[in-house]
C-alpha atoms as a PDB file:
ATOM      1  CA  MET A   1      -0.170  -0.080  -0.450  1.00  0.00           C
ATOM      2  CA  LYS A   2       1.461   3.565  -1.077  1.00  0.00           C
ATOM      3  CA  LYS A   3       0.187   5.802   2.186  1.00  0.00           C
ATOM      4  CA  ASN A   4      -0.010   4.598   5.549  1.00  0.00           C
ATOM      5  CA  ILE A   5      -3.603   4.610   6.524  1.00  0.00           C
ATOM      6  CA  LEU A   6      -3.540   7.336   9.313  1.00  0.00           C
ATOM      7  CA  LYS A   7      -1.196   9.737   7.300  1.00  0.00           C
ATOM      8  CA  MET A   8      -4.011   9.414   4.463  1.00  0.00           C
ATOM      9  CA  MET A   9      -6.253  10.093   7.340  1.00  0.00           C
ATOM     10  CA  ALA A  10      -4.826  13.127   8.628  1.00  0.00           C
ATOM     11  CA  GLU A  11      -4.493  14.334   5.087  1.00  0.00           C
ATOM     12  CA  ALA A  12      -7.918  13.833   4.536  1.00  0.00           C
ATOM     13  CA  ASN A  13      -8.917  15.988   7.332  1.00  0.00           C
ATOM     14  CA  SER A  14      -6.629  18.717   6.273  1.00  0.00           C
ATOM     15  CA  GLU A  15      -8.260  19.003   3.214  1.00  0.00           C
ATOM     16  CA  GLU A  16     -11.443  20.192   4.820  1.00  0.00           C
ATOM     17  CA  LYS A  17      -9.725  22.566   7.656  1.00  0.00           C
ATOM     18  CA  GLY A  18      -6.727  24.287   5.924  1.00  0.00           C
ATOM     19  CA  PRO A  19      -3.110  23.351   7.874  1.00  0.00           C
ATOM     20  CA  GLU A  20      -3.211  21.364  10.901  1.00  0.00           C
ATOM     21  CA  PRO A  21      -0.857  20.353  13.967  1.00  0.00           C
ATOM     22  CA  PRO A  22      -0.090  16.653  13.064  1.00  0.00           C
ATOM     23  CA  VAL A  23      -3.064  14.183  14.154  1.00  0.00           C
ATOM     24  CA  PRO A  24      -2.556  11.962  17.001  1.00  0.00           C
ATOM     25  CA  SER A  25      -2.772   8.183  17.249  1.00  0.00           C
ATOM     26  CA  PRO A  26      -5.848   6.737  17.249  1.00  0.00           C
ATOM     27  CA  LEU A  27      -5.177   5.314  21.013  1.00  0.00           C
ATOM     28  CA  SER A  28      -4.576   9.067  22.452  1.00  0.00           C
ATOM     29  CA  ARG A  29      -7.840  10.509  21.911  1.00  0.00           C
ATOM     30  CA  SER A  30     -11.580   9.810  22.593  1.00  0.00           C
ATOM     31  CA  ARG A  31     -12.885   7.432  19.780  1.00  0.00           C
ATOM     32  CA  ARG A  32     -16.252   9.944  19.089  1.00  0.00           C
ATOM     33  CA  GLY A  33     -14.077  13.076  18.758  1.00  0.00           C
ATOM     34  CA  SER A  34     -11.367  11.706  17.327  1.00  0.00           C
ATOM     35  CA  SER A  35     -10.570  13.662  13.586  1.00  0.00           C
ATOM     36  CA  VAL A  36      -8.627  10.156  12.578  1.00  0.00           C
ATOM     37  CA  VAL A  37     -11.917   7.951  13.791  1.00  0.00           C
ATOM     38  CA  SER A  38     -14.630  10.915  11.716  1.00  0.00           C
ATOM     39  CA  ASN A  39     -12.634  10.658   8.447  1.00  0.00           C
ATOM     40  CA  VAL A  40     -11.950   6.910   8.368  1.00  0.00           C
ATOM     41  CA  GLY A  41     -13.991   6.469   5.841  1.00  0.00           C
ATOM     42  CA  LYS A  42     -12.982   9.532   3.473  1.00  0.00           C
ATOM     43  CA  ALA A  43      -9.465   8.870   3.696  1.00  0.00           C
ATOM     44  CA  LEU A  44     -10.275   5.003   2.681  1.00  0.00           C
ATOM     45  CA  ASN A  45     -12.080   6.296  -0.345  1.00  0.00           C
ATOM     46  CA  THR A  46      -9.412   8.476  -1.345  1.00  0.00           C
ATOM     47  CA  LEU A  47      -6.912   5.601  -2.138  1.00  0.00           C
ATOM     48  CA  SER A  48      -6.417   4.972  -5.719  1.00  0.00           C
ATOM     49  CA  GLU A  49      -7.297   1.334  -7.050  1.00  0.00           C
ATOM     50  CA  SER A  50      -3.842   0.861  -7.516  1.00  0.00           C
ATOM     51  CA  SER A  51      -3.349   1.074  -3.743  1.00  0.00           C
ATOM     52  CA  SER A  52      -5.081  -2.619  -4.176  1.00  0.00           C
ATOM     53  CA  VAL A  53      -4.345  -6.015  -5.160  1.00  0.00           C
ATOM     54  CA  VAL A  54      -6.266  -8.681  -6.073  1.00  0.00           C
ATOM     55  CA  LEU A  55      -5.766 -11.881  -3.585  1.00  0.00           C
ATOM     56  CA  ASP A  56      -7.322 -15.677  -3.476  1.00  0.00           C
ATOM     57  CA  PRO A  57      -9.257 -15.321  -0.169  1.00  0.00           C
ATOM     58  CA  GLY A  58      -8.760 -18.616   0.155  1.00  0.00           C
ATOM     59  CA  LYS A  59      -5.021 -17.767   1.337  1.00  0.00           C
ATOM     60  CA  ILE A  60      -5.903 -14.909   3.987  1.00  0.00           C
ATOM     61  CA  ASP A  61      -6.047 -16.398   7.638  1.00  0.00           C
ATOM     62  CA  ALA A  62      -7.993 -14.494  10.534  1.00  0.00           C
ATOM     63  CA  SER A  63      -6.648 -11.875  12.471  1.00  0.00           C
ATOM     64  CA  PRO A  64      -4.371 -13.653  15.375  1.00  0.00           C
ATOM     65  CA  TYR A  65      -6.434 -11.169  17.936  1.00  0.00           C
ATOM     66  CA  ARG A  66     -10.412 -12.184  17.694  1.00  0.00           C
ATOM     67  CA  ASP A  67     -12.949  -9.278  18.266  1.00  0.00           C
ATOM     68  CA  ARG A  68     -15.935 -10.820  16.847  1.00  0.00           C
ATOM     69  CA  PHE A  69     -18.080 -14.537  17.459  1.00  0.00           C
ATOM     70  CA  GLU A  70     -18.237 -15.119  13.782  1.00  0.00           C
ATOM     71  CA  SER A  71     -20.090 -18.385  14.902  1.00  0.00           C
ATOM     72  CA  ASP A  72     -22.802 -16.494  16.554  1.00  0.00           C
ATOM     73  CA  GLY A  73     -26.585 -16.958  14.431  1.00  0.00           C
ATOM     74  CA  GLU A  74     -26.651 -12.835  14.387  1.00  0.00           C
ATOM     75  CA  ALA A  75     -23.389 -12.796  12.722  1.00  0.00           C
ATOM     76  CA  THR A  76     -24.228 -15.376  10.034  1.00  0.00           C
ATOM     77  CA  GLU A  77     -27.563 -13.835   8.753  1.00  0.00           C
ATOM     78  CA  GLU A  78     -25.210 -10.499   8.430  1.00  0.00           C
ATOM     79  CA  ILE A  79     -22.578 -12.576   6.626  1.00  0.00           C
ATOM     80  CA  GLU A  80     -25.494 -13.710   4.572  1.00  0.00           C
ATOM     81  CA  SER A  81     -26.874  -9.957   3.923  1.00  0.00           C
ATOM     82  CA  LEU A  82     -23.389  -8.397   2.899  1.00  0.00           C
ATOM     83  CA  ALA A  83     -22.627 -11.519   0.537  1.00  0.00           C
ATOM     84  CA  ALA A  84     -25.738 -10.559  -1.498  1.00  0.00           C
ATOM     85  CA  SER A  85     -24.999  -6.828  -1.515  1.00  0.00           C
ATOM     86  CA  ILE A  86     -21.280  -7.884  -2.730  1.00  0.00           C
ATOM     87  CA  ARG A  87     -23.318 -10.315  -5.519  1.00  0.00           C
ATOM     88  CA  ALA A  88     -25.629  -7.128  -6.679  1.00  0.00           C
ATOM     89  CA  GLU A  89     -22.970  -4.206  -6.215  1.00  0.00           C
ATOM     90  CA  GLY A  90     -19.093  -5.711  -6.359  1.00  0.00           C
ATOM     91  CA  GLN A  91     -16.766  -5.349  -3.396  1.00  0.00           C
ATOM     92  CA  LYS A  92     -16.820  -1.722  -2.130  1.00  0.00           C
ATOM     93  CA  MET A  93     -14.142  -1.470   0.460  1.00  0.00           C
ATOM     94  CA  PRO A  94     -10.800  -3.454   0.390  1.00  0.00           C
ATOM     95  CA  VAL A  95     -10.019  -5.214   3.161  1.00  0.00           C
ATOM     96  CA  LEU A  96      -6.330  -5.208   5.282  1.00  0.00           C
ATOM     97  CA  VAL A  97      -4.244  -7.797   5.317  1.00  0.00           C
ATOM     98  CA  ARG A  98      -0.365  -8.043   6.479  1.00  0.00           C
ATOM     99  CA  PRO A  99       2.289 -10.777   5.255  1.00  0.00           C
ATOM    100  CA  HIS A 100       2.035 -13.783   6.788  1.00  0.00           C
ATOM    101  CA  PRO A 101       4.293 -13.843   9.815  1.00  0.00           C
ATOM    102  CA  LYS A 102       5.061 -17.515   9.530  1.00  0.00           C
ATOM    103  CA  ALA A 103       3.810 -19.305   6.543  1.00  0.00           C
ATOM    104  CA  GLU A 104       5.102 -18.031   3.311  1.00  0.00           C
ATOM    105  CA  GLY A 105       2.527 -16.742   0.422  1.00  0.00           C
ATOM    106  CA  ARG A 106      -0.416 -16.442   2.925  1.00  0.00           C
ATOM    107  CA  TYR A 107      -2.109 -13.297   4.374  1.00  0.00           C
ATOM    108  CA  GLN A 108      -3.314 -12.203   8.058  1.00  0.00           C
ATOM    109  CA  LEU A 109      -5.998 -10.197   8.116  1.00  0.00           C
ATOM    110  CA  ALA A 110      -6.245  -6.944   9.578  1.00  0.00           C
ATOM    111  CA  TYR A 111      -9.685  -5.527   9.147  1.00  0.00           C
ATOM    112  CA  GLY A 112     -12.545  -7.072   7.152  1.00  0.00           C
ATOM    113  CA  HIS A 113     -13.381  -9.690   8.829  1.00  0.00           C
ATOM    114  CA  ARG A 114     -17.138  -9.805   7.342  1.00  0.00           C
ATOM    115  CA  ARG A 115     -16.414  -8.970   3.938  1.00  0.00           C
ATOM    116  CA  LEU A 116     -13.454 -11.943   3.877  1.00  0.00           C
ATOM    117  CA  ALA A 117     -16.300 -14.280   5.263  1.00  0.00           C
ATOM    118  CA  ALA A 118     -18.967 -12.913   2.820  1.00  0.00           C
ATOM    119  CA  ILE A 119     -16.804 -13.144   0.124  1.00  0.00           C
ATOM    120  CA  ARG A 120     -15.828 -16.815   1.213  1.00  0.00           C
ATOM    121  CA  LEU A 121     -19.148 -17.512   1.261  1.00  0.00           C
ATOM    122  CA  LEU A 122     -19.846 -16.151  -2.241  1.00  0.00           C
ATOM    123  CA  ALA A 123     -16.651 -18.822  -3.801  1.00  0.00           C
ATOM    124  CA  ALA A 124     -18.481 -22.014  -1.769  1.00  0.00           C
ATOM    125  CA  GLU A 125     -21.658 -20.791  -3.785  1.00  0.00           C
ATOM    126  CA  SER A 126     -19.951 -20.465  -6.928  1.00  0.00           C
ATOM    127  CA  ARG A 127     -19.755 -22.807  -9.664  1.00  0.00           C
ATOM    128  CA  THR A 128     -15.998 -21.308 -10.261  1.00  0.00           C
ATOM    129  CA  PRO A 129     -14.869 -20.378  -6.767  1.00  0.00           C
ATOM    130  CA  ALA A 130     -11.273 -20.292  -8.361  1.00  0.00           C
ATOM    131  CA  GLU A 131     -12.039 -17.190 -10.213  1.00  0.00           C
ATOM    132  CA  VAL A 132     -13.432 -15.470  -6.554  1.00  0.00           C
ATOM    133  CA  THR A 133     -10.994 -13.189  -5.433  1.00  0.00           C
ATOM    134  CA  ILE A 134     -11.107  -9.881  -2.808  1.00  0.00           C
ATOM    135  CA  ARG A 135      -9.723  -6.950  -3.040  1.00  0.00           C
ATOM    136  CA  ALA A 136      -7.573  -6.046  -0.096  1.00  0.00           C
ATOM    137  CA  TYR A 137      -4.607  -3.550   0.980  1.00  0.00           C
ATOM    138  CA  VAL A 138      -1.014  -5.322   1.963  1.00  0.00           C
ATOM    139  CA  ARG A 139       0.820  -3.345   4.329  1.00  0.00           C
ATOM    140  CA  PRO A 140       3.860  -5.150   6.799  1.00  0.00           C
ATOM    141  CA  LEU A 141       2.347  -5.014  10.300  1.00  0.00           C
ATOM    142  CA  ASP A 142       4.169  -5.889  13.457  1.00  0.00           C
ATOM    143  CA  ASP A 143       1.607  -7.146  16.036  1.00  0.00           C
ATOM    144  CA  ARG A 144       0.906  -3.724  17.974  1.00  0.00           C
ATOM    145  CA  GLU A 145       0.259  -2.119  14.612  1.00  0.00           C
ATOM    146  CA  LEU A 146      -2.356  -4.793  13.616  1.00  0.00           C
ATOM    147  CA  LEU A 147      -4.095  -4.283  16.772  1.00  0.00           C
ATOM    148  CA  VAL A 148      -4.296  -0.433  15.988  1.00  0.00           C
ATOM    149  CA  GLU A 149      -5.787  -1.127  12.789  1.00  0.00           C
ATOM    150  CA  GLN A 150      -8.059  -3.599  14.093  1.00  0.00           C
ATOM    151  CA  SER A 151      -9.155  -1.328  17.126  1.00  0.00           C
ATOM    152  CA  LEU A 152      -9.607   1.782  14.492  1.00  0.00           C
ATOM    153  CA  GLU A 153     -12.138  -0.449  12.483  1.00  0.00           C
ATOM    154  CA  ASN A 154     -13.912  -1.312  15.689  1.00  0.00           C
ATOM    155  CA  GLY A 155     -13.884   2.203  17.043  1.00  0.00           C
ATOM    156  CA  VAL A 156     -15.847   3.260  13.055  1.00  0.00           C
ATOM    157  CA  ARG A 157     -18.043   0.637  13.373  1.00  0.00           C
ATOM    158  CA  GLU A 158     -19.222   1.177  17.308  1.00  0.00           C
ATOM    159  CA  ASN A 159     -21.569  -2.154  17.577  1.00  0.00           C
ATOM    160  CA  LEU A 160     -19.278  -4.472  18.824  1.00  0.00           C
ATOM    161  CA  THR A 161     -21.709  -5.622  22.252  1.00  0.00           C
ATOM    162  CA  TRP A 162     -20.878  -5.492  25.560  1.00  0.00           C
ATOM    163  CA  ILE A 163     -18.715  -8.944  25.896  1.00  0.00           C
ATOM    164  CA  GLU A 164     -16.880  -8.356  22.450  1.00  0.00           C
ATOM    165  CA  GLN A 165     -15.933  -4.749  24.019  1.00  0.00           C
ATOM    166  CA  ALA A 166     -14.493  -6.700  27.024  1.00  0.00           C
ATOM    167  CA  LEU A 167     -13.121  -8.953  25.169  1.00  0.00           C
ATOM    168  CA  TRP A 168     -10.949  -7.564  23.228  1.00  0.00           C
ATOM    169  CA  ALA A 169     -10.536  -4.939  25.669  1.00  0.00           C
ATOM    170  CA  ALA A 170      -8.434  -8.249  27.305  1.00  0.00           C
ATOM    171  CA  GLN A 171      -6.855  -8.701  23.860  1.00  0.00           C
ATOM    172  CA  LEU A 172      -5.251  -5.147  23.951  1.00  0.00           C
ATOM    173  CA  ARG A 173      -4.397  -5.583  27.477  1.00  0.00           C
ATOM    174  CA  GLU A 174      -2.360  -8.762  26.889  1.00  0.00           C
ATOM    175  CA  ALA A 175      -0.520  -7.332  24.013  1.00  0.00           C
ATOM    176  CA  GLY A 176       0.670  -4.241  26.581  1.00  0.00           C
ATOM    177  CA  PHE A 177      -1.584  -1.693  26.207  1.00  0.00           C
ATOM    178  CA  SER A 178      -1.972   0.556  29.134  1.00  0.00           C
ATOM    179  CA  SER A 179      -5.593   1.175  30.528  1.00  0.00           C
ATOM    180  CA  VAL A 180      -4.646   5.076  29.613  1.00  0.00           C
ATOM    181  CA  ALA A 181      -4.069   3.633  25.790  1.00  0.00           C
ATOM    182  CA  ILE A 182      -7.349   1.180  25.591  1.00  0.00           C
ATOM    183  CA  GLU A 183      -9.957   3.948  26.885  1.00  0.00           C
ATOM    184  CA  PRO A 184     -10.170   5.612  23.594  1.00  0.00           C
ATOM    185  CA  VAL A 185      -9.833   2.789  21.760  1.00  0.00           C
ATOM    186  CA  LEU A 186     -13.324   1.688  23.295  1.00  0.00           C
ATOM    187  CA  GLY A 187     -14.246   4.932  24.125  1.00  0.00           C
ATOM    188  CA  LEU A 188     -14.657   4.459  27.491  1.00  0.00           C
ATOM    189  CA  SER A 189     -13.504   5.462  31.167  1.00  0.00           C
ATOM    190  CA  LYS A 190     -11.440   3.466  33.444  1.00  0.00           C
ATOM    191  CA  THR A 191     -13.864   2.355  35.405  1.00  0.00           C
ATOM    192  CA  PRO A 192     -16.291   0.456  33.093  1.00  0.00           C
ATOM    193  CA  ILE A 193     -13.036  -0.688  31.553  1.00  0.00           C
ATOM    194  CA  SER A 194     -12.141  -2.730  34.250  1.00  0.00           C
ATOM    195  CA  LEU A 195     -15.241  -4.124  35.361  1.00  0.00           C
ATOM    196  CA  MET A 196     -14.693  -5.614  31.682  1.00  0.00           C
ATOM    197  CA  LEU A 197     -11.406  -7.085  32.334  1.00  0.00           C
ATOM    198  CA  LYS A 198     -12.683  -8.523  35.261  1.00  0.00           C
ATOM    199  CA  VAL A 199     -15.448 -10.339  33.592  1.00  0.00           C
ATOM    200  CA  ALA A 200     -13.144 -11.329  31.060  1.00  0.00           C
ATOM    201  CA  ASN A 201     -10.362 -12.497  33.296  1.00  0.00           C
ATOM    202  CA  ALA A 202     -13.154 -14.536  35.556  1.00  0.00           C
ATOM    203  CA  VAL A 203     -14.852 -16.058  32.753  1.00  0.00           C
ATOM    204  CA  PRO A 204     -13.383 -18.634  30.311  1.00  0.00           C
ATOM    205  CA  HIS A 205     -13.430 -17.358  26.572  1.00  0.00           C
ATOM    206  CA  ASP A 206     -15.197 -20.948  25.778  1.00  0.00           C
ATOM    207  CA  ILE A 207     -17.645 -20.797  27.482  1.00  0.00           C
ATOM    208  CA  ILE A 208     -17.695 -16.929  26.643  1.00  0.00           C
ATOM    209  CA  PHE A 209     -18.318 -17.737  22.744  1.00  0.00           C
ATOM    210  CA  ALA A 210     -20.449 -20.706  23.607  1.00  0.00           C
ATOM    211  CA  ILE A 211     -23.151 -18.133  25.100  1.00  0.00           C
ATOM    212  CA  GLY A 212     -22.496 -16.143  21.881  1.00  0.00           C
ATOM    213  CA  ARG A 213     -22.330 -12.299  21.568  1.00  0.00           C
ATOM    214  CA  ALA A 214     -25.166 -11.624  23.469  1.00  0.00           C
ATOM    215  CA  LYS A 215     -26.389  -8.445  21.599  1.00  0.00           C
ATOM    216  CA  GLY A 216     -28.845  -6.551  24.169  1.00  0.00           C
ATOM    217  CA  VAL A 217     -27.017  -8.251  27.358  1.00  0.00           C
ATOM    218  CA  GLY A 218     -24.833  -5.748  29.143  1.00  0.00           C
ATOM    219  CA  ARG A 219     -23.032  -5.374  32.099  1.00  0.00           C
ATOM    220  CA  PRO A 220     -25.189  -6.755  35.120  1.00  0.00           C
ATOM    221  CA  LYS A 221     -25.887 -10.279  33.579  1.00  0.00           C
ATOM    222  CA  TRP A 222     -21.839 -10.408  32.651  1.00  0.00           C
ATOM    223  CA  MET A 223     -20.872  -9.394  35.727  1.00  0.00           C
ATOM    224  CA  ALA A 224     -23.410 -11.948  37.622  1.00  0.00           C
ATOM    225  CA  LEU A 225     -22.089 -14.629  35.940  1.00  0.00           C
ATOM    226  CA  ALA A 226     -18.006 -13.182  36.557  1.00  0.00           C
ATOM    227  CA  GLU A 227     -19.095 -13.375  40.736  1.00  0.00           C
ATOM    228  CA  THR A 228     -20.839 -16.874  40.306  1.00  0.00           C
ATOM    229  CA  CYS A 229     -17.277 -18.188  38.662  1.00  0.00           C
ATOM    230  CA  LEU A 230     -15.368 -16.459  41.357  1.00  0.00           C
ATOM    231  CA  LYS A 231     -17.269 -17.361  44.349  1.00  0.00           C
ATOM    232  CA  GLY A 232     -19.095 -20.807  42.984  1.00  0.00           C
ATOM    233  CA  GLY A 233     -15.880 -22.947  43.744  1.00  0.00           C
ATOM    234  CA  GLY A 234     -13.209 -21.696  40.880  1.00  0.00           C
ATOM    235  CA  GLU A 235     -12.930 -24.975  39.032  1.00  0.00           C
ATOM    236  CA  GLU A 236     -15.450 -26.342  40.121  1.00  0.00           C
ATOM    237  CA  ALA A 237     -18.136 -24.206  38.888  1.00  0.00           C
ATOM    238  CA  VAL A 238     -16.428 -24.095  35.609  1.00  0.00           C
ATOM    239  CA  SER A 239     -16.557 -27.681  35.410  1.00  0.00           C
ATOM    240  CA  ARG A 240     -20.098 -27.517  36.102  1.00  0.00           C
ATOM    241  CA  ILE A 241     -20.932 -24.624  33.784  1.00  0.00           C
ATOM    242  CA  ARG A 242     -18.996 -26.504  30.811  1.00  0.00           C
ATOM    243  CA  SER A 243     -21.326 -29.986  31.445  1.00  0.00           C
ATOM    244  CA  ILE A 244     -24.234 -28.268  30.171  1.00  0.00           C
ATOM    245  CA  LEU A 245     -22.590 -26.032  26.458  1.00  0.00           C
ATOM    246  CA  GLU A 246     -23.557 -29.442  24.864  1.00  0.00           C
ATOM    247  CA  SER A 247     -26.963 -29.885  26.077  1.00  0.00           C
ATOM    248  CA  GLN A 248     -30.314 -29.077  23.827  1.00  0.00           C
ATOM    249  CA  ALA A 249     -31.707 -26.477  26.289  1.00  0.00           C
ATOM    250  CA  PHE A 250     -28.437 -23.907  26.209  1.00  0.00           C
ATOM    251  CA  GLN A 251     -28.171 -24.902  22.485  1.00  0.00           C
ATOM    252  CA  SER A 252     -32.079 -23.559  21.858  1.00  0.00           C
ATOM    253  CA  ALA A 253     -31.772 -20.774  24.273  1.00  0.00           C
ATOM    254  CA  ASP A 254     -31.018 -17.028  23.203  1.00  0.00           C
ATOM    255  CA  ALA A 255     -27.696 -15.709  24.855  1.00  0.00           C
ATOM    256  CA  ALA A 256     -29.684 -13.830  27.853  1.00  0.00           C
ATOM    257  CA  GLN A 257     -30.842 -17.506  28.836  1.00  0.00           C
ATOM    258  CA  ARG A 258     -27.616 -19.035  28.371  1.00  0.00           C
ATOM    259  CA  ILE A 259     -25.868 -16.688  30.963  1.00  0.00           C
ATOM    260  CA  ASP A 260     -28.952 -17.333  33.606  1.00  0.00           C
ATOM    261  CA  LEU A 261     -28.236 -21.638  33.098  1.00  0.00           C
ATOM    262  CA  ALA A 262     -24.507 -21.068  32.738  1.00  0.00           C
ATOM    263  CA  VAL A 263     -25.117 -19.433  36.511  1.00  0.00           C
ATOM    264  CA  LYS A 264     -27.842 -21.757  37.272  1.00  0.00           C
ATOM    265  CA  ALA A 265     -24.798 -24.545  36.479  1.00  0.00           C
ATOM    266  CA  ALA A 266     -22.397 -22.599  38.566  1.00  0.00           C
ATOM    267  CA  ARG A 267     -24.371 -22.745  41.776  1.00  0.00           C
ATOM    268  CA  GLY A 268     -24.681 -26.757  41.633  1.00  0.00           C
ATOM    269  CA  GLY A 269     -28.809 -26.122  39.470  1.00  0.00           C
ATOM    270  CA  GLN A 270     -29.946 -23.814  42.338  1.00  0.00           C
ATOM    271  CA  ASP A 271     -31.493 -20.658  40.932  1.00  0.00           C
ATOM    272  CA  ARG A 272     -30.017 -18.495  43.385  1.00  0.00           C
ATOM    273  CA  PRO A 273     -29.490 -18.847  47.239  1.00  0.00           C
ATOM    274  CA  ALA A 274     -32.449 -19.656  48.757  1.00  0.00           C
ATOM    275  CA  GLU A 275     -34.265 -16.543  50.581  1.00  0.00           C
ATOM    276  CA  LYS A 276     -35.071 -16.217  53.861  1.00  0.00           C
ATOM    277  CA  SER A 277     -38.226 -16.410  55.329  1.00  0.00           C
ATOM    278  CA  VAL A 278     -38.689 -15.285  58.905  1.00  0.00           C
ATOM    279  CA  ARG A 279     -41.683 -15.724  60.785  1.00  0.00           C
ATOM    280  CA  GLU A 280     -43.244 -14.900  64.349  1.00  0.00           C
ATOM    281  CA  LEU A 281     -43.515 -17.215  66.871  1.00  0.00           C
ATOM    282  CA  VAL A 282     -46.936 -16.357  68.599  1.00  0.00           C
ATOM    283  CA  SER A 283     -49.256 -17.394  71.433  1.00  0.00           C
ATOM    284  CA  ASN A 284     -52.484 -16.236  73.040  1.00  0.00           C
ATOM    285  CA  GLY A 285     -51.619 -13.024  70.641  1.00  0.00           C
ATOM    286  CA  ARG A 286     -48.217 -12.509  72.374  1.00  0.00           C
ATOM    287  CA  SER A 287     -44.856 -12.509  70.181  1.00  0.00           C
ATOM    288  CA  LEU A 288     -42.253 -14.231  72.211  1.00  0.00           C
ATOM    289  CA  GLY A 289     -39.978 -14.327  69.191  1.00  0.00           C
ATOM    290  CA  ARG A 290     -39.014 -15.391  65.337  1.00  0.00           C
ATOM    291  CA  ILE A 291     -38.019 -18.643  63.517  1.00  0.00           C
ATOM    292  CA  ALA A 292     -35.782 -17.372  60.562  1.00  0.00           C
ATOM    293  CA  THR A 293     -35.231 -20.040  57.872  1.00  0.00           C
ATOM    294  CA  GLY A 294     -32.383 -19.635  55.394  1.00  0.00           C
ATOM    295  CA  ALA A 295     -29.916 -20.940  53.297  1.00  0.00           C
ATOM    296  CA  SER A 296     -27.787 -22.165  56.134  1.00  0.00           C
ATOM    297  CA  GLY A 297     -30.514 -22.903  58.129  1.00  0.00           C
ATOM    298  CA  THR A 298     -33.271 -22.396  61.278  1.00  0.00           C
ATOM    299  CA  THR A 299     -32.617 -20.060  63.856  1.00  0.00           C
ATOM    300  CA  ILE A 300     -34.631 -19.575  66.724  1.00  0.00           C
ATOM    301  CA  SER A 301     -34.161 -16.079  68.324  1.00  0.00           C
ATOM    302  CA  ILE A 302     -36.478 -15.703  72.031  1.00  0.00           C
ATOM    303  CA  ALA A 303     -37.225 -12.302  72.992  1.00  0.00           C
ATOM    304  CA  ARG A 304     -35.278 -10.641  75.333  1.00  0.00           C
ATOM    305  CA  GLN A 305     -37.798 -10.388  77.771  1.00  0.00           C
ATOM    306  CA  GLU A 306     -39.246 -13.726  77.234  1.00  0.00           C
ATOM    307  CA  SER A 307     -36.264 -14.959  78.948  1.00  0.00           C
ATOM    308  CA  GLY A 308     -38.440 -17.685  81.234  1.00  0.00           C
ATOM    309  CA  PHE A 309     -40.026 -19.055  78.127  1.00  0.00           C
ATOM    310  CA  ALA A 310     -35.926 -19.393  76.464  1.00  0.00           C
ATOM    311  CA  GLU A 311     -34.976 -21.064  79.422  1.00  0.00           C
ATOM    312  CA  TRP A 312     -37.817 -23.268  79.865  1.00  0.00           C
ATOM    313  CA  LEU A 313     -37.534 -24.409  75.924  1.00  0.00           C
ATOM    314  CA  SER A 314     -33.770 -24.647  76.581  1.00  0.00           C
ATOM    315  CA  GLU A 315     -34.622 -27.421  79.343  1.00  0.00           C
ATOM    316  CA  ARG A 316     -36.763 -29.112  76.576  1.00  0.00           C
ATOM    317  CA  MET A 317     -35.190 -29.026  73.533  1.00  0.00           C
ATOM    318  CA  ASP A 318     -33.893 -32.498  74.038  1.00  0.00           C
ATOM    319  CA  ALA A 319     -36.684 -34.366  74.635  1.00  0.00           C
ATOM    320  CA  LEU A 320     -38.660 -31.832  71.803  1.00  0.00           C
ATOM    321  CA  ALA A 321     -36.151 -33.676  69.163  1.00  0.00           C
ATOM    322  CA  GLU A 322     -36.766 -37.155  70.825  1.00  0.00           C
ATOM    323  CA  GLU A 323     -40.101 -36.504  70.141  1.00  0.00           C
ATOM    324  CA  TYR A 324     -40.485 -35.581  66.880  1.00  0.00           C
ATOM    325  CA  PHE A 325     -37.951 -38.266  65.905  1.00  0.00           C
ATOM    326  CA  SER A 326     -40.151 -41.159  67.758  1.00  0.00           C
ATOM    327  CA  SER A 327     -42.973 -39.630  65.176  1.00  0.00           C
ATOM    328  CA  THR A 328     -41.023 -39.965  62.040  1.00  0.00           C
ATOM    329  CA  THR A 329     -41.715 -43.184  60.553  1.00  0.00           C
ATOM    330  CA  GLY A 330     -38.359 -44.022  59.263  1.00  0.00           C
ATOM    331  CA  ALA A 331     -36.888 -41.044  60.228  1.00  0.00           C
ATOM    332  CA  ASN A 332     -32.674 -41.120  60.172  1.00  0.00           C
ATOM    333  CA  ARG A 333     -31.826 -39.222  63.376  1.00  0.00           C
ATOM    334  CA  GLU A 334     -28.502 -38.574  61.025  1.00  0.00           C
ATOM    335  CA  ASP A 335     -29.766 -36.931  58.246  1.00  0.00           C
END
């Protein structure tokens, strides 16, 4: 590619407003306020046709950094719709690739994941799949530069779900980006990014991918799942969740329901801890105390002014227990 895309974005911006200071990195400014992001479409459109090349889509591998749930049903529908558009009108925007760092003659995708998937779908449907090609910009990118370009597309698209943003934040952190650098990429402040990283670190990614991109499902449900994984016994809770991933009930549920099923499985089959119930201990209209029942058992509390009754009950408790077990057919005192 003849020019760096970010440079051309800056040039596109300067054509509108005249000479300006150099445009900062897209990682140093707010996603919505950045002139880089706001002019990305115009900059890419100014690239000449000779700047792109024609490639075999079968020679392009996915980015090593995953920002999309391509196996999700909703994503499949979007790819089919995009394929229909490309079939009718052609590929309007080239994808961006880099030479594969480990496989000669192959490439890795920086952005354009769904365009590539749509064109592969067209190739699979074609009687002459070898004739189906994809237009692409080819640039030498190291891993950090690849993440910058991929993040730029995410910033323009602005339709990542909450959990997709969480996993993207985790990948940026693993790649060495600081919290300050991640904030403008996602257009979020420190606190929501911290919560995203908590979920991404607490919930194994295979479970997240099994649940799906969860459009319309926000932070509260994902946080509930993360807390359950952390407090539900660690690996035991995770194992219980994994045991239901292939079940019919899980597979047929939507993403929100899948999270609920995962939380229930992590808790050992309980939908939620038993709610505490309290009833008054009354005799002849007189309140003697309370009997409270919760997840940890039942507690009898006697009012302070009823100390005489408390002493009487304490002295007879053994006899009352004996009477109960004697009257219960087949009861086992060790239960």
